[in-house]
């Protein structure tokens, strides 16, 4: 990676590592709390897509699985479909660490284009990961889509 902006978010979830992994990689589960289905076989080198759940199945983000170590670590590239930049795609790393009955989930989004993209990533990840935490701890997502809150 270069000296381009990055963002890291850490949250603690009352859950098991296997449940967090499944929530990140199961298309039906991601649709429940993310509003998109993350679709892949999650093998290194495979493609993945962040598909809308509005019936269009359009992919808003695409990438490649760089590393997949269930239920500990997942690394993917992220890019807008059909858009290539000189710096290449951004990269997202999910680190899942158990501590007794909780999990520390660390998400790092690297190689962002600029500070505006970093700020957008910060808002987006905070909303999605808050919804993930609630979903895993209660069995349902937040009653409002947090990414729509102004």
Protein backbone atom coordinates (compact mmCIF):
# COMPACT_ATOMS: atom_id res chain seq x y z
CA UNK A 1 0.00 0.00 0.00
CA UNK A 2 1.04 3.61 -0.47
CA UNK A 3 0.85 6.65 1.78
CA UNK A 4 -2.77 7.14 0.81
CA UNK A 5 -5.40 7.58 3.54
CA UNK A 6 -6.64 4.64 5.62
CA UNK A 7 -9.35 4.14 8.20
CA UNK A 8 -9.51 1.64 11.08
CA UNK A 9 -12.59 0.80 13.14
CA UNK A 10 -12.62 -1.49 16.18
CA UNK A 11 -15.76 -2.86 17.82
CA UNK A 12 -16.45 -5.51 20.43
CA UNK A 13 -19.30 -7.94 19.83
CA UNK A 14 -20.87 -10.49 22.16
CA UNK A 15 -20.51 -13.36 19.74
CA UNK A 16 -18.25 -16.19 18.61
CA UNK A 17 -15.61 -15.75 15.88
CA UNK A 18 -17.46 -18.25 13.66
CA UNK A 19 -20.67 -16.21 13.90
CA UNK A 20 -18.87 -12.97 13.01
CA UNK A 21 -17.15 -14.68 10.07
CA UNK A 22 -20.48 -16.08 8.83
CA UNK A 23 -22.13 -12.65 9.17
CA UNK A 24 -19.40 -11.11 7.00
CA UNK A 25 -19.37 -13.81 4.32
CA UNK A 26 -22.90 -15.25 4.07
CA UNK A 27 -24.84 -13.40 1.37
CA UNK A 28 -28.20 -13.85 3.11
CA UNK A 29 -26.86 -12.57 6.43
CA UNK A 30 -25.11 -9.54 4.94
CA UNK A 31 -28.39 -8.65 3.25
CA UNK A 32 -30.04 -8.54 6.69
CA UNK A 33 -27.82 -5.87 8.25
CA UNK A 34 -25.85 -4.31 5.35
CA UNK A 35 -28.52 -3.82 2.70
CA UNK A 36 -26.23 -5.62 0.23
CA UNK A 37 -25.33 -9.26 -0.28
CA UNK A 38 -21.63 -10.04 -0.20
CA UNK A 39 -21.28 -12.80 -2.77
CA UNK A 40 -18.20 -15.02 -3.22
CA UNK A 41 -16.82 -18.44 -2.42
CA UNK A 42 -14.29 -16.55 -0.24
CA UNK A 43 -11.27 -18.47 -1.54
CA UNK A 44 -8.03 -16.48 -2.12
CA UNK A 45 -7.96 -15.23 -5.70
CA UNK A 46 -11.75 -15.44 -6.12
CA UNK A 47 -13.84 -12.43 -7.03
CA UNK A 48 -16.49 -11.02 -4.73
CA UNK A 49 -19.39 -8.61 -5.25
CA UNK A 50 -21.33 -6.28 -2.95
CA UNK A 51 -24.78 -6.68 -4.60
CA UNK A 52 -27.87 -4.60 -3.99
CA UNK A 53 -30.84 -6.31 -2.39
CA UNK A 54 -33.41 -4.14 -4.19
CA UNK A 55 -34.05 -6.83 -6.82
CA UNK A 56 -31.59 -5.38 -9.35
CA UNK A 57 -28.66 -7.43 -7.97
CA UNK A 58 -26.39 -4.65 -9.25
CA UNK A 59 -22.90 -4.73 -7.76
CA UNK A 60 -21.86 -1.44 -6.16
CA UNK A 61 -18.45 -2.77 -5.12
CA UNK A 62 -16.35 -5.55 -6.63
CA UNK A 63 -13.01 -7.01 -5.74
CA UNK A 64 -10.80 -9.98 -5.16
CA UNK A 65 -10.32 -12.11 -2.07
CA UNK A 66 -6.67 -11.58 -1.12
CA UNK A 67 -6.58 -13.66 2.05
CA UNK A 68 -9.18 -15.87 3.73
CA UNK A 69 -8.45 -17.54 7.08
CA UNK A 70 -11.79 -18.51 8.64
CA UNK A 71 -12.77 -17.40 11.24
CA UNK A 72 -9.81 -15.09 11.90
CA UNK A 73 -8.95 -12.89 8.93
CA UNK A 74 -10.42 -11.79 5.62
CA UNK A 75 -8.68 -9.41 3.20
CA UNK A 76 -10.36 -8.14 0.03
CA UNK A 77 -9.81 -5.47 -2.57
CA UNK A 78 -12.61 -2.94 -3.13
CA UNK A 79 -13.38 -1.02 -6.31
CA UNK A 80 -16.27 0.50 -8.17
CA UNK A 81 -17.21 -1.83 -11.03
CA UNK A 82 -15.47 -0.87 -14.26
CA UNK A 83 -13.32 1.83 -12.64
CA UNK A 84 -9.56 1.46 -12.49
CA UNK A 85 -7.23 3.95 -10.85
CA UNK A 86 -3.46 4.35 -11.06
CA UNK A 87 -3.17 3.52 -7.34
CA UNK A 88 -5.30 0.40 -7.74
CA UNK A 89 -8.28 -0.63 -5.65
CA UNK A 90 -8.64 0.03 -1.96
CA UNK A 91 -8.18 -2.88 0.43
CA UNK A 92 -10.26 -3.99 3.43
CA UNK A 93 -8.96 -6.24 6.20
CA UNK A 94 -11.28 -7.84 8.74
CA UNK A 95 -9.51 -9.14 11.84
CA UNK A 96 -11.57 -11.33 14.18
CA UNK A 97 -10.09 -12.03 17.64
CA UNK A 98 -11.89 -13.93 20.42
CA UNK A 99 -11.70 -12.79 24.05
CA UNK A 100 -13.80 -15.05 26.27
CA UNK A 101 -17.41 -14.53 25.23
CA UNK A 102 -16.72 -11.52 23.01
CA UNK A 103 -14.97 -10.83 19.73
CA UNK A 104 -12.84 -7.85 18.81
CA UNK A 105 -13.55 -7.02 15.18
CA UNK A 106 -11.00 -4.72 13.58
CA UNK A 107 -11.74 -3.36 10.10
CA UNK A 108 -9.02 -1.49 8.25
CA UNK A 109 -9.79 0.16 4.91
CA UNK A 110 -6.56 1.19 3.15
CA UNK A 111 -5.43 2.86 -0.06
CA UNK A 112 -8.33 5.31 -0.10
CA UNK A 113 -8.17 7.98 -2.82
CA UNK A 114 -8.18 11.05 -0.56
CA UNK A 115 -9.44 12.45 2.73
CA UNK A 116 -12.98 12.82 1.38
CA UNK A 117 -13.07 9.10 0.57
CA UNK A 118 -11.59 8.35 4.00
CA UNK A 119 -14.34 10.42 5.66
CA UNK A 120 -17.01 8.61 3.62
CA UNK A 121 -15.49 5.25 4.59
CA UNK A 122 -15.49 6.28 8.26
CA UNK A 123 -19.21 7.15 8.13
CA UNK A 124 -20.08 4.01 6.20
CA UNK A 125 -18.11 1.57 8.34
CA UNK A 126 -19.44 3.05 11.59
CA UNK A 127 -23.02 2.57 10.35
CA UNK A 128 -22.55 -0.94 8.95
CA UNK A 129 -20.54 -2.26 11.88
CA UNK A 130 -23.00 -0.83 14.42
CA UNK A 131 -25.76 -2.64 12.56
CA UNK A 132 -23.67 -5.84 12.44
CA UNK A 133 -23.06 -5.68 16.20
CA UNK A 134 -26.75 -5.20 16.94
CA UNK A 135 -27.70 -7.96 14.50
CA UNK A 136 -25.35 -10.49 16.08
CA UNK A 137 -26.25 -9.59 19.66
CA UNK A 138 -30.04 -9.35 19.25
CA UNK A 139 -30.88 -11.32 16.11
CA UNK A 140 -32.19 -8.26 14.27
CA UNK A 141 -30.65 -5.13 12.75
CA UNK A 142 -31.23 -1.62 14.07
CA UNK A 143 -34.80 -0.35 13.49
CA UNK A 144 -33.50 2.41 11.20
CA UNK A 145 -30.82 2.09 8.51
CA UNK A 146 -27.90 3.87 10.20
CA UNK A 147 -26.24 4.85 6.89
CA UNK A 148 -29.32 7.01 6.14
CA UNK A 149 -29.00 9.05 9.34
CA UNK A 150 -27.82 12.57 8.44
